[in-house]
Amino acid sequence: MVVVMRLARFGCTNRPFFHIVVIHNKFARNSGRALEQLGTYDPMPNNHNEKLISLNVERIKFWLASGAQPSTPVSHLLGLSGLLPVHPRTYVLARRARHKTAMKEKEAAAAAENEKDEDN
């Protein structure tokens, strides 16, 4: 069987929390049949606007050397942590965020200019 590293979802309906687990690819995501838990990921920003992740680096390196295939979200996280090359999806998400911020700034500047013209 092929072994994969994937995210197993825990937490509540509107408050997800993930365990990074090693599991056979035929088993369900939350089947409880994971071979090992390698870390956790909390995607909800905390008070300091941080998304928290904890990794067991030694065990992740072991499983990668053993041939475990990371899923796309896991490879994205491992790329950000420096264990793997940065996933191409990271660049796409960063570009979209920059574009969205630039559009909001343009709209705010246009609204301020319109308000200034109305005052005169």
PDB file of N, CA and C in Angstrom:
ATOM      1  N   MET A   1       0.833  -1.196   0.000  1.00  0.00           N
ATOM      2  CA  MET A   1       0.000   0.000   0.000  1.00  0.00           C
ATOM      3  C   MET A   1       0.871   1.251   0.000  1.00  0.00           C
ATOM      4  N   VAL A   2       0.325   2.308  -0.573  1.00  0.00           N
ATOM      5  CA  VAL A   2       1.015   3.583  -0.602  1.00  0.00           C
ATOM      6  C   VAL A   2       0.678   4.348   0.678  1.00  0.00           C
ATOM      7  N   VAL A   3       1.699   4.927   1.285  1.00  0.00           N
ATOM      8  CA  VAL A   3       1.525   5.694   2.514  1.00  0.00           C
ATOM      9  C   VAL A   3       1.559   7.173   2.159  1.00  0.00           C
ATOM     10  N   VAL A   4       0.607   7.936   2.696  1.00  0.00           N
ATOM     11  CA  VAL A   4       0.536   9.364   2.425  1.00  0.00           C
ATOM     12  C   VAL A   4       0.524  10.146   3.731  1.00  0.00           C
ATOM     13  N   MET A   5       0.995  11.384   3.644  1.00  0.00           N
ATOM     14  CA  MET A   5       0.879  12.323   4.764  1.00  0.00           C
ATOM     15  C   MET A   5      -0.257  13.265   4.401  1.00  0.00           C
ATOM     16  N   ARG A   6      -1.252  13.313   5.254  1.00  0.00           N
ATOM     17  CA  ARG A   6      -2.414  14.168   4.966  1.00  0.00           C
ATOM     18  C   ARG A   6      -2.914  14.817   6.244  1.00  0.00           C
ATOM     19  N   LEU A   7      -3.863  15.728   6.064  1.00  0.00           N
ATOM     20  CA  LEU A   7      -4.476  16.420   7.187  1.00  0.00           C
ATOM     21  C   LEU A   7      -5.734  15.668   7.612  1.00  0.00           C
ATOM     22  N   ALA A   8      -5.839  15.343   8.889  1.00  0.00           N
ATOM     23  CA  ALA A   8      -7.051  14.747   9.455  1.00  0.00           C
ATOM     24  C   ALA A   8      -7.775  15.851  10.211  1.00  0.00           C
ATOM     25  N   ARG A   9      -9.038  16.085   9.857  1.00  0.00           N
ATOM     26  CA  ARG A   9      -9.778  17.219  10.418  1.00  0.00           C
ATOM     27  C   ARG A   9     -10.395  16.867  11.761  1.00  0.00           C
ATOM     28  N   PHE A  10     -10.185  17.755  12.710  1.00  0.00           N
ATOM     29  CA  PHE A  10     -10.802  17.662  14.026  1.00  0.00           C
ATOM     30  C   PHE A  10     -11.377  19.036  14.349  1.00  0.00           C
ATOM     31  N   GLY A  11     -11.901  19.214  15.525  1.00  0.00           N
ATOM     32  CA  GLY A  11     -12.453  20.504  15.904  1.00  0.00           C
ATOM     33  C   GLY A  11     -13.945  20.545  15.674  1.00  0.00           C
ATOM     34  N   CYS A  12     -14.499  21.735  15.782  1.00  0.00           N
ATOM     35  CA  CYS A  12     -15.943  21.938  15.665  1.00  0.00           C
ATOM     36  C   CYS A  12     -16.315  22.354  14.252  1.00  0.00           C
ATOM     37  N   THR A  13     -17.586  22.631  14.044  1.00  0.00           N
ATOM     38  CA  THR A  13     -18.094  22.960  12.730  1.00  0.00           C
ATOM     39  C   THR A  13     -17.425  24.194  12.151  1.00  0.00           C
ATOM     40  N   ASN A  14     -17.381  25.266  12.895  1.00  0.00           N
ATOM     41  CA  ASN A  14     -16.791  26.505  12.393  1.00  0.00           C
ATOM     42  C   ASN A  14     -15.406  26.781  12.977  1.00  0.00           C
ATOM     43  N   ARG A  15     -14.805  25.779  13.547  1.00  0.00           N
ATOM     44  CA  ARG A  15     -13.497  25.942  14.189  1.00  0.00           C
ATOM     45  C   ARG A  15     -12.631  24.721  13.879  1.00  0.00           C
ATOM     46  N   PRO A  16     -12.097  24.628  12.628  1.00  0.00           N
ATOM     47  CA  PRO A  16     -11.325  23.441  12.266  1.00  0.00           C
ATOM     48  C   PRO A  16      -9.971  23.400  12.950  1.00  0.00           C
ATOM     49  N   PHE A  17      -9.499  22.198  13.137  1.00  0.00           N
ATOM     50  CA  PHE A  17      -8.178  21.937  13.693  1.00  0.00           C
ATOM     51  C   PHE A  17      -7.700  20.654  13.025  1.00  0.00           C
ATOM     52  N   PHE A  18      -6.459  20.609  12.580  1.00  0.00           N
ATOM     53  CA  PHE A  18      -5.979  19.483  11.805  1.00  0.00           C
ATOM     54  C   PHE A  18      -4.797  18.799  12.479  1.00  0.00           C
ATOM     55  N   HIS A  19      -4.759  17.480  12.350  1.00  0.00           N
ATOM     56  CA  HIS A  19      -3.593  16.692  12.718  1.00  0.00           C
ATOM     57  C   HIS A  19      -2.914  16.298  11.407  1.00  0.00           C
ATOM     58  N   ILE A  20      -1.605  16.406  11.345  1.00  0.00           N
ATOM     59  CA  ILE A  20      -0.853  15.934  10.192  1.00  0.00           C
ATOM     60  C   ILE A  20      -0.499  14.479  10.496  1.00  0.00           C
ATOM     61  N   VAL A  21      -1.044  13.560   9.705  1.00  0.00           N
ATOM     62  CA  VAL A  21      -0.899  12.140   9.993  1.00  0.00           C
ATOM     63  C   VAL A  21      -0.318  11.390   8.797  1.00  0.00           C
ATOM     64  N   VAL A  22       0.270  10.238   9.087  1.00  0.00           N
ATOM     65  CA  VAL A  22       0.704   9.297   8.060  1.00  0.00           C
ATOM     66  C   VAL A  22      -0.313   8.167   8.066  1.00  0.00           C
ATOM     67  N   ILE A  23      -0.860   7.865   6.885  1.00  0.00           N
ATOM     68  CA  ILE A  23      -1.940   6.880   6.790  1.00  0.00           C
ATOM     69  C   ILE A  23      -1.861   6.221   5.421  1.00  0.00           C
ATOM     70  N   HIS A  24      -2.370   5.012   5.303  1.00  0.00           N
ATOM     71  CA  HIS A  24      -2.450   4.356   4.003  1.00  0.00           C
ATOM     72  C   HIS A  24      -3.467   5.105   3.146  1.00  0.00           C
ATOM     73  N   ASN A  25      -3.206   5.205   1.861  1.00  0.00           N
ATOM     74  CA  ASN A  25      -4.048   6.042   1.010  1.00  0.00           C
ATOM     75  C   ASN A  25      -5.463   5.510   0.824  1.00  0.00           C
ATOM     76  N   LYS A  26      -5.718   4.263   1.117  1.00  0.00           N
ATOM     77  CA  LYS A  26      -7.065   3.705   0.953  1.00  0.00           C
ATOM     78  C   LYS A  26      -7.975   3.967   2.146  1.00  0.00           C
ATOM     79  N   PHE A  27      -7.405   4.380   3.272  1.00  0.00           N
ATOM     80  CA  PHE A  27      -8.205   4.603   4.470  1.00  0.00           C
ATOM     81  C   PHE A  27      -8.824   5.998   4.436  1.00  0.00           C
ATOM     82  N   ALA A  28      -9.941   6.139   5.119  1.00  0.00           N
ATOM     83  CA  ALA A  28     -10.627   7.432   5.202  1.00  0.00           C
ATOM     84  C   ALA A  28      -9.799   8.422   6.009  1.00  0.00           C
ATOM     85  N   ARG A  29     -10.086   9.681   5.808  1.00  0.00           N
ATOM     86  CA  ARG A  29      -9.313  10.765   6.421  1.00  0.00           C
ATOM     87  C   ARG A  29      -9.296  10.680   7.938  1.00  0.00           C
ATOM     88  N   ASN A  30     -10.436  10.483   8.557  1.00  0.00           N
ATOM     89  CA  ASN A  30     -10.542  10.443  10.016  1.00  0.00           C
ATOM     90  C   ASN A  30     -10.909   9.053  10.511  1.00  0.00           C
ATOM     91  N   SER A  31     -10.381   8.039   9.864  1.00  0.00           N
ATOM     92  CA  SER A  31     -10.760   6.673  10.222  1.00  0.00           C
ATOM     93  C   SER A  31     -10.178   6.228  11.557  1.00  0.00           C
ATOM     94  N   GLY A  32      -9.190   6.935  12.076  1.00  0.00           N
ATOM     95  CA  GLY A  32      -8.551   6.531  13.313  1.00  0.00           C
ATOM     96  C   GLY A  32      -7.509   5.454  13.098  1.00  0.00           C
ATOM     97  N   ARG A  33      -7.198   5.166  11.843  1.00  0.00           N
ATOM     98  CA  ARG A  33      -6.248   4.117  11.509  1.00  0.00           C
ATOM     99  C   ARG A  33      -4.910   4.714  11.067  1.00  0.00           C
ATOM    100  N   ALA A  34      -4.614   5.906  11.519  1.00  0.00           N
ATOM    101  CA  ALA A  34      -3.357   6.561  11.142  1.00  0.00           C
ATOM    102  C   ALA A  34      -2.188   5.790  11.739  1.00  0.00           C
ATOM    103  N   LEU A  35      -1.110   5.715  10.979  1.00  0.00           N
ATOM    104  CA  LEU A  35       0.094   5.049  11.462  1.00  0.00           C
ATOM    105  C   LEU A  35       0.806   5.886  12.517  1.00  0.00           C
ATOM    106  N   GLU A  36       0.803   7.217  12.297  1.00  0.00           N
ATOM    107  CA  GLU A  36       1.489   8.104  13.236  1.00  0.00           C
ATOM    108  C   GLU A  36       1.012   9.539  13.026  1.00  0.00           C
ATOM    109  N   GLN A  37       0.949  10.288  14.121  1.00  0.00           N
ATOM    110  CA  GLN A  37       0.642  11.717  14.038  1.00  0.00           C
ATOM    111  C   GLN A  37       1.968  12.461  14.021  1.00  0.00           C
ATOM    112  N   LEU A  38       2.148  13.337  13.020  1.00  0.00           N
ATOM    113  CA  LEU A  38       3.411  14.052  12.836  1.00  0.00           C
ATOM    114  C   LEU A  38       3.359  15.510  13.263  1.00  0.00           C
ATOM    115  N   GLY A  39       2.184  16.033  13.514  1.00  0.00           N
ATOM    116  CA  GLY A  39       2.088  17.430  13.918  1.00  0.00           C
ATOM    117  C   GLY A  39       0.646  17.889  13.940  1.00  0.00           C
ATOM    118  N   THR A  40       0.481  19.185  14.198  1.00  0.00           N
ATOM    119  CA  THR A  40      -0.849  19.790  14.223  1.00  0.00           C
ATOM    120  C   THR A  40      -0.808  21.090  13.444  1.00  0.00           C
ATOM    121  N   TYR A  41      -2.000  21.522  12.985  1.00  0.00           N
ATOM    122  CA  TYR A  41      -2.131  22.771  12.244  1.00  0.00           C
ATOM    123  C   TYR A  41      -3.436  23.427  12.652  1.00  0.00           C
ATOM    124  N   ASP A  42      -3.350  24.672  13.094  1.00  0.00           N
ATOM    125  CA  ASP A  42      -4.522  25.453  13.478  1.00  0.00           C
ATOM    126  C   ASP A  42      -4.675  26.587  12.469  1.00  0.00           C
ATOM    127  N   PRO A  43      -5.601  26.478  11.502  1.00  0.00           N
ATOM    128  CA  PRO A  43      -5.712  27.478  10.441  1.00  0.00           C
ATOM    129  C   PRO A  43      -6.407  28.778  10.846  1.00  0.00           C
ATOM    130  N   MET A  44      -7.016  28.810  12.033  1.00  0.00           N
ATOM    131  CA  MET A  44      -7.710  30.015  12.471  1.00  0.00           C
ATOM    132  C   MET A  44      -6.706  30.967  13.121  1.00  0.00           C
ATOM    133  N   PRO A  45      -6.637  32.224  12.658  1.00  0.00           N
ATOM    134  CA  PRO A  45      -5.683  33.165  13.251  1.00  0.00           C
ATOM    135  C   PRO A  45      -6.007  33.437  14.719  1.00  0.00           C
ATOM    136  N   ASN A  46      -4.957  33.542  15.528  1.00  0.00           N
ATOM    137  CA  ASN A  46      -5.140  33.839  16.947  1.00  0.00           C
ATOM    138  C   ASN A  46      -5.165  35.356  17.157  1.00  0.00           C
ATOM    139  N   ASN A  47      -5.000  35.820  18.399  1.00  0.00           N
ATOM    140  CA  ASN A  47      -5.053  37.252  18.705  1.00  0.00           C
ATOM    141  C   ASN A  47      -3.950  38.039  18.009  1.00  0.00           C
ATOM    142  N   HIS A  48      -2.844  37.382  17.691  1.00  0.00           N
ATOM    143  CA  HIS A  48      -1.722  38.046  17.035  1.00  0.00           C
ATOM    144  C   HIS A  48      -1.721  37.801  15.527  1.00  0.00           C
ATOM    145  N   ASN A  49      -2.846  37.347  14.990  1.00  0.00           N
ATOM    146  CA  ASN A  49      -3.033  37.071  13.566  1.00  0.00           C
ATOM    147  C   ASN A  49      -2.039  36.021  13.068  1.00  0.00           C
ATOM    148  N   GLU A  50      -1.799  34.978  13.874  1.00  0.00           N
ATOM    149  CA  GLU A  50      -0.881  33.907  13.531  1.00  0.00           C
ATOM    150  C   GLU A  50      -1.652  32.599  13.379  1.00  0.00           C
ATOM    151  N   LYS A  51      -1.281  31.829  12.371  1.00  0.00           N
ATOM    152  CA  LYS A  51      -1.804  30.474  12.217  1.00  0.00           C
ATOM    153  C   LYS A  51      -0.730  29.545  12.753  1.00  0.00           C
ATOM    154  N   LEU A  52      -1.084  28.719  13.720  1.00  0.00           N
ATOM    155  CA  LEU A  52      -0.090  27.928  14.431  1.00  0.00           C
ATOM    156  C   LEU A  52       0.071  26.537  13.817  1.00  0.00           C
ATOM    157  N   ILE A  53       1.319  26.091  13.766  1.00  0.00           N
ATOM    158  CA  ILE A  53       1.631  24.757  13.269  1.00  0.00           C
ATOM    159  C   ILE A  53       2.751  24.188  14.125  1.00  0.00           C
ATOM    160  N   SER A  54       2.650  22.911  14.443  1.00  0.00           N
ATOM    161  CA  SER A  54       3.734  22.226  15.140  1.00  0.00           C
ATOM    162  C   SER A  54       4.075  20.979  14.339  1.00  0.00           C
ATOM    163  N   LEU A  55       5.365  20.724  14.180  1.00  0.00           N
ATOM    164  CA  LEU A  55       5.828  19.609  13.366  1.00  0.00           C
ATOM    165  C   LEU A  55       6.858  18.792  14.123  1.00  0.00           C
ATOM    166  N   ASN A  56       6.820  17.488  13.946  1.00  0.00           N
ATOM    167  CA  ASN A  56       7.863  16.600  14.432  1.00  0.00           C
ATOM    168  C   ASN A  56       8.801  16.376  13.238  1.00  0.00           C
ATOM    169  N   VAL A  57       9.817  17.219  13.119  1.00  0.00           N
ATOM    170  CA  VAL A  57      10.662  17.280  11.935  1.00  0.00           C
ATOM    171  C   VAL A  57      11.393  15.957  11.699  1.00  0.00           C
ATOM    172  N   GLU A  58      11.898  15.343  12.754  1.00  0.00           N
ATOM    173  CA  GLU A  58      12.639  14.093  12.592  1.00  0.00           C
ATOM    174  C   GLU A  58      11.767  13.002  11.994  1.00  0.00           C
ATOM    175  N   ARG A  59      10.550  12.877  12.491  1.00  0.00           N
ATOM    176  CA  ARG A  59       9.655  11.834  11.982  1.00  0.00           C
ATOM    177  C   ARG A  59       9.170  12.151  10.569  1.00  0.00           C
ATOM    178  N   ILE A  60       8.990  13.433  10.255  1.00  0.00           N
ATOM    179  CA  ILE A  60       8.593  13.808   8.892  1.00  0.00           C
ATOM    180  C   ILE A  60       9.703  13.437   7.923  1.00  0.00           C
ATOM    181  N   LYS A  61      10.935  13.728   8.276  1.00  0.00           N
ATOM    182  CA  LYS A  61      12.064  13.353   7.416  1.00  0.00           C
ATOM    183  C   LYS A  61      12.144  11.841   7.257  1.00  0.00           C
ATOM    184  N   PHE A  62      11.884  11.103   8.336  1.00  0.00           N
ATOM    185  CA  PHE A  62      11.898   9.644   8.262  1.00  0.00           C
ATOM    186  C   PHE A  62      10.855   9.144   7.271  1.00  0.00           C
ATOM    187  N   TRP A  63       9.628   9.643   7.378  1.00  0.00           N
ATOM    188  CA  TRP A  63       8.562   9.166   6.501  1.00  0.00           C
ATOM    189  C   TRP A  63       8.773   9.593   5.058  1.00  0.00           C
ATOM    190  N   LEU A  64       9.325  10.786   4.835  1.00  0.00           N
ATOM    191  CA  LEU A  64       9.636  11.203   3.470  1.00  0.00           C
ATOM    192  C   LEU A  64      10.710  10.298   2.875  1.00  0.00           C
ATOM    193  N   ALA A  65      11.714   9.932   3.678  1.00  0.00           N
ATOM    194  CA  ALA A  65      12.762   9.023   3.211  1.00  0.00           C
ATOM    195  C   ALA A  65      12.211   7.624   2.973  1.00  0.00           C
ATOM    196  N   SER A  66      11.177   7.244   3.694  1.00  0.00           N
ATOM    197  CA  SER A  66      10.559   5.928   3.531  1.00  0.00           C
ATOM    198  C   SER A  66       9.632   5.863   2.328  1.00  0.00           C
ATOM    199  N   GLY A  67       9.372   6.997   1.683  1.00  0.00           N
ATOM    200  CA  GLY A  67       8.548   7.004   0.485  1.00  0.00           C
ATOM    201  C   GLY A  67       7.140   7.512   0.674  1.00  0.00           C
ATOM    202  N   ALA A  68       6.817   8.102   1.815  1.00  0.00           N
ATOM    203  CA  ALA A  68       5.476   8.654   2.030  1.00  0.00           C
ATOM    204  C   ALA A  68       5.279   9.870   1.131  1.00  0.00           C
ATOM    205  N   GLN A  69       4.111   9.952   0.515  1.00  0.00           N
ATOM    206  CA  GLN A  69       3.791  11.054  -0.386  1.00  0.00           C
ATOM    207  C   GLN A  69       2.958  12.094   0.355  1.00  0.00           C
ATOM    208  N   PRO A  70       3.412  13.350   0.442  1.00  0.00           N
ATOM    209  CA  PRO A  70       2.585  14.371   1.096  1.00  0.00           C
ATOM    210  C   PRO A  70       1.448  14.824   0.185  1.00  0.00           C
ATOM    211  N   SER A  71       0.290  15.085   0.772  1.00  0.00           N
ATOM    212  CA  SER A  71      -0.822  15.636   0.009  1.00  0.00           C
ATOM    213  C   SER A  71      -0.500  17.088  -0.331  1.00  0.00           C
ATOM    214  N   THR A  72      -1.301  17.698  -1.179  1.00  0.00           N
ATOM    215  CA  THR A  72      -1.041  19.079  -1.597  1.00  0.00           C
ATOM    216  C   THR A  72      -1.040  20.055  -0.426  1.00  0.00           C
ATOM    217  N   PRO A  73      -2.033  20.030   0.482  1.00  0.00           N
ATOM    218  CA  PRO A  73      -1.977  20.952   1.617  1.00  0.00           C
ATOM    219  C   PRO A  73      -0.778  20.706   2.531  1.00  0.00           C
ATOM    220  N   VAL A  74      -0.417  19.442   2.730  1.00  0.00           N
ATOM    221  CA  VAL A  74       0.725  19.135   3.583  1.00  0.00           C
ATOM    222  C   VAL A  74       2.013  19.583   2.920  1.00  0.00           C
ATOM    223  N   SER A  75       2.156  19.376   1.610  1.00  0.00           N
ATOM    224  CA  SER A  75       3.368  19.827   0.933  1.00  0.00           C
ATOM    225  C   SER A  75       3.458  21.349   0.934  1.00  0.00           C
ATOM    226  N   HIS A  76       2.303  22.019   0.901  1.00  0.00           N
ATOM    227  CA  HIS A  76       2.274  23.477   1.012  1.00  0.00           C
ATOM    228  C   HIS A  76       2.821  23.914   2.378  1.00  0.00           C
ATOM    229  N   LEU A  77       2.364  23.269   3.444  1.00  0.00           N
ATOM    230  CA  LEU A  77       2.836  23.600   4.793  1.00  0.00           C
ATOM    231  C   LEU A  77       4.312  23.251   4.986  1.00  0.00           C
ATOM    232  N   LEU A  78       4.725  22.099   4.470  1.00  0.00           N
ATOM    233  CA  LEU A  78       6.128  21.706   4.602  1.00  0.00           C
ATOM    234  C   LEU A  78       7.043  22.608   3.780  1.00  0.00           C
ATOM    235  N   GLY A  79       6.535  23.117   2.668  1.00  0.00           N
ATOM    236  CA  GLY A  79       7.311  24.076   1.880  1.00  0.00           C
ATOM    237  C   GLY A  79       7.493  25.388   2.615  1.00  0.00           C
ATOM    238  N   LEU A  80       6.451  25.851   3.292  1.00  0.00           N
ATOM    239  CA  LEU A  80       6.556  27.086   4.069  1.00  0.00           C
ATOM    240  C   LEU A  80       7.479  26.918   5.269  1.00  0.00           C
ATOM    241  N   SER A  81       7.549  25.701   5.810  1.00  0.00           N
ATOM    242  CA  SER A  81       8.410  25.463   6.962  1.00  0.00           C
ATOM    243  C   SER A  81       9.856  25.200   6.560  1.00  0.00           C
ATOM    244  N   GLY A  82      10.130  24.988   5.277  1.00  0.00           N
ATOM    245  CA  GLY A  82      11.489  24.795   4.812  1.00  0.00           C
ATOM    246  C   GLY A  82      11.919  23.345   4.701  1.00  0.00           C
ATOM    247  N   LEU A  83      11.018  22.391   4.929  1.00  0.00           N
ATOM    248  CA  LEU A  83      11.379  20.981   4.815  1.00  0.00           C
ATOM    249  C   LEU A  83      11.359  20.488   3.372  1.00  0.00           C
ATOM    250  N   LEU A  84      10.541  21.087   2.553  1.00  0.00           N
ATOM    251  CA  LEU A  84      10.436  20.756   1.132  1.00  0.00           C
ATOM    252  C   LEU A  84      10.615  22.034   0.326  1.00  0.00           C
ATOM    253  N   PRO A  85      10.831  21.933  -0.973  1.00  0.00           N
ATOM    254  CA  PRO A  85      10.826  23.148  -1.793  1.00  0.00           C
ATOM    255  C   PRO A  85       9.448  23.820  -1.714  1.00  0.00           C
ATOM    256  N   VAL A  86       9.430  25.115  -1.877  1.00  0.00           N
ATOM    257  CA  VAL A  86       8.166  25.851  -1.784  1.00  0.00           C
ATOM    258  C   VAL A  86       7.230  25.372  -2.876  1.00  0.00           C
ATOM    259  N   HIS A  87       6.025  25.067  -2.480  1.00  0.00           N
ATOM    260  CA  HIS A  87       5.011  24.555  -3.403  1.00  0.00           C
ATOM    261  C   HIS A  87       4.574  25.684  -4.340  1.00  0.00           C
ATOM    262  N   PRO A  88       4.351  25.408  -5.643  1.00  0.00           N
ATOM    263  CA  PRO A  88       3.917  26.463  -6.571  1.00  0.00           C
ATOM    264  C   PRO A  88       2.627  27.151  -6.151  1.00  0.00           C
ATOM    265  N   ARG A  89       1.773  26.432  -5.423  1.00  0.00           N
ATOM    266  CA  ARG A  89       0.511  27.016  -4.959  1.00  0.00           C
ATOM    267  C   ARG A  89       0.763  28.212  -4.033  1.00  0.00           C
ATOM    268  N   THR A  90       1.875  28.194  -3.313  1.00  0.00           N
ATOM    269  CA  THR A  90       2.212  29.282  -2.403  1.00  0.00           C
ATOM    270  C   THR A  90       2.345  30.592  -3.160  1.00  0.00           C
ATOM    271  N   TYR A  91       3.021  30.535  -4.308  1.00  0.00           N
ATOM    272  CA  TYR A  91       3.209  31.742  -5.110  1.00  0.00           C
ATOM    273  C   TYR A  91       1.884  32.262  -5.658  1.00  0.00           C
ATOM    274  N   VAL A  92       1.007  31.351  -6.065  1.00  0.00           N
ATOM    275  CA  VAL A  92      -0.301  31.754  -6.593  1.00  0.00           C
ATOM    276  C   VAL A  92      -1.117  32.437  -5.497  1.00  0.00           C
ATOM    277  N   LEU A  93      -1.136  31.861  -4.309  1.00  0.00           N
ATOM    278  CA  LEU A  93      -1.905  32.448  -3.205  1.00  0.00           C
ATOM    279  C   LEU A  93      -1.341  33.804  -2.799  1.00  0.00           C
ATOM    280  N   ALA A  94      -0.020  33.941  -2.792  1.00  0.00           N
ATOM    281  CA  ALA A  94       0.594  35.228  -2.439  1.00  0.00           C
ATOM    282  C   ALA A  94       0.265  36.291  -3.478  1.00  0.00           C
ATOM    283  N   ARG A  95       0.282  35.918  -4.756  1.00  0.00           N
ATOM    284  CA  ARG A  95      -0.040  36.878  -5.809  1.00  0.00           C
ATOM    285  C   ARG A  95      -1.500  37.336  -5.699  1.00  0.00           C
ATOM    286  N   ARG A  96      -2.396  36.399  -5.429  1.00  0.00           N
ATOM    287  CA  ARG A  96      -3.811  36.760  -5.273  1.00  0.00           C
ATOM    288  C   ARG A  96      -4.011  37.687  -4.081  1.00  0.00           C
ATOM    289  N   ALA A  97      -3.300  37.438  -2.988  1.00  0.00           N
ATOM    290  CA  ALA A  97      -3.432  38.287  -1.800  1.00  0.00           C
ATOM    291  C   ALA A  97      -2.911  39.695  -2.089  1.00  0.00           C
ATOM    292  N   ARG A  98      -1.776  39.789  -2.788  1.00  0.00           N
ATOM    293  CA  ARG A  98      -1.243  41.111  -3.145  1.00  0.00           C
ATOM    294  C   ARG A  98      -2.205  41.864  -4.045  1.00  0.00           C
ATOM    295  N   HIS A  99      -2.779  41.159  -5.026  1.00  0.00           N
ATOM    296  CA  HIS A  99      -3.715  41.801  -5.950  1.00  0.00           C
ATOM    297  C   HIS A  99      -4.962  42.280  -5.211  1.00  0.00           C
ATOM    298  N   LYS A 100      -5.466  41.457  -4.299  1.00  0.00           N
ATOM    299  CA  LYS A 100      -6.653  41.823  -3.530  1.00  0.00           C
ATOM    300  C   LYS A 100      -6.382  43.050  -2.663  1.00  0.00           C
ATOM    301  N   THR A 101      -5.204  43.109  -2.034  1.00  0.00           N
ATOM    302  CA  THR A 101      -4.834  44.257  -1.207  1.00  0.00           C
ATOM    303  C   THR A 101      -4.700  45.512  -2.056  1.00  0.00           C
ATOM    304  N   ALA A 102      -4.083  45.385  -3.233  1.00  0.00           N
ATOM    305  CA  ALA A 102      -3.917  46.535  -4.121  1.00  0.00           C
ATOM    306  C   ALA A 102      -5.275  47.072  -4.585  1.00  0.00           C
ATOM    307  N   MET A 103      -6.215  46.169  -4.871  1.00  0.00           N
ATOM    308  CA  MET A 103      -7.543  46.611  -5.305  1.00  0.00           C
ATOM    309  C   MET A 103      -8.272  47.336  -4.180  1.00  0.00           C
ATOM    310  N   LYS A 104      -8.145  46.847  -2.952  1.00  0.00           N
ATOM    311  CA  LYS A 104      -8.778  47.518  -1.818  1.00  0.00           C
ATOM    312  C   LYS A 104      -8.184  48.908  -1.612  1.00  0.00           C
ATOM    313  N   GLU A 105      -6.862  49.032  -1.761  1.00  0.00           N
ATOM    314  CA  GLU A 105      -6.213  50.336  -1.608  1.00  0.00           C
ATOM    315  C   GLU A 105      -6.672  51.306  -2.690  1.00  0.00           C
ATOM    316  N   LYS A 106      -6.820  50.828  -3.933  1.00  0.00           N
ATOM    317  CA  LYS A 106      -7.297  51.684  -5.021  1.00  0.00           C
ATOM    318  C   LYS A 106      -8.721  52.167  -4.750  1.00  0.00           C
ATOM    319  N   GLU A 107      -9.576  51.244  -4.275  1.00  0.00           N
ATOM    320  CA  GLU A 107     -10.951  51.614  -3.976  1.00  0.00           C
ATOM    321  C   GLU A 107     -11.022  52.620  -2.840  1.00  0.00           C
ATOM    322  N   ALA A 108     -10.185  52.456  -1.830  1.00  0.00           N
ATOM    323  CA  ALA A 108     -10.167  53.385  -0.707  1.00  0.00           C
ATOM    324  C   ALA A 108      -9.674  54.759  -1.162  1.00  0.00           C
ATOM    325  N   ALA A 109      -8.666  54.785  -2.023  1.00  0.00           N
ATOM    326  CA  ALA A 109      -8.151  56.055  -2.528  1.00  0.00           C
ATOM    327  C   ALA A 109      -9.198  56.750  -3.388  1.00  0.00           C
ATOM    328  N   ALA A 110      -9.902  55.990  -4.222  1.00  0.00           N
ATOM    329  CA  ALA A 110     -10.943  56.568  -5.066  1.00  0.00           C
ATOM    330  C   ALA A 110     -12.092  57.099  -4.213  1.00  0.00           C
ATOM    331  N   ALA A 111     -12.463  56.386  -3.171  1.00  0.00           N
ATOM    332  CA  ALA A 111     -13.537  56.846  -2.297  1.00  0.00           C
ATOM    333  C   ALA A 111     -13.129  58.116  -1.561  1.00  0.00           C
ATOM    334  N   ALA A 112     -11.884  58.183  -1.120  1.00  0.00           N
ATOM    335  CA  ALA A 112     -11.401  59.384  -0.436  1.00  0.00           C
ATOM    336  C   ALA A 112     -11.369  60.574  -1.382  1.00  0.00           C
ATOM    337  N   GLU A 113     -10.990  60.328  -2.634  1.00  0.00           N
ATOM    338  CA  GLU A 113     -10.946  61.418  -3.621  1.00  0.00           C
ATOM    339  C   GLU A 113     -12.351  61.909  -3.948  1.00  0.00           C
ATOM    340  N   ASN A 114     -13.307  60.994  -4.076  1.00  0.00           N
ATOM    341  CA  ASN A 114     -14.693  61.385  -4.342  1.00  0.00           C
ATOM    342  C   ASN A 114     -15.266  62.173  -3.169  1.00  0.00           C
ATOM    343  N   GLU A 115     -14.940  61.766  -1.968  1.00  0.00           N
ATOM    344  CA  GLU A 115     -15.411  62.474  -0.781  1.00  0.00           C
ATOM    345  C   GLU A 115     -14.798  63.871  -0.716  1.00  0.00           C
ATOM    346  N   LYS A 116     -13.557  63.980  -1.098  1.00  0.00           N
ATOM    347  CA  LYS A 116     -12.875  65.285  -1.108  1.00  0.00           C
ATOM    348  C   LYS A 116     -13.512  66.216  -2.138  1.00  0.00           C
ATOM    349  N   ASP A 117     -13.840  65.673  -3.325  1.00  0.00           N
ATOM    350  CA  ASP A 117     -14.470  66.482  -4.368  1.00  0.00           C
ATOM    351  C   ASP A 117     -15.879  66.941  -3.960  1.00  0.00           C
ATOM    352  N   GLU A 118     -16.603  66.076  -3.236  1.00  0.00           N
ATOM    353  CA  GLU A 118     -17.949  66.436  -2.795  1.00  0.00           C
ATOM    354  C   GLU A 118     -17.912  67.548  -1.739  1.00  0.00           C
ATOM    355  N   ASP A 119     -16.866  67.585  -0.928  1.00  0.00           N
ATOM    356  CA  ASP A 119     -16.738  68.620   0.084  1.00  0.00           C
ATOM    357  C   ASP A 119     -16.475  69.982  -0.541  1.00  0.00           C
ATOM    358  N   ASN A 120     -15.843  70.015  -1.680  1.00  0.00           N
ATOM    359  CA  ASN A 120     -15.517  71.300  -2.322  1.00  0.00           C
ATOM    360  C   ASN A 120     -16.635  71.783  -3.139  1.00  0.00           C
TER     361      ASN A 120
END
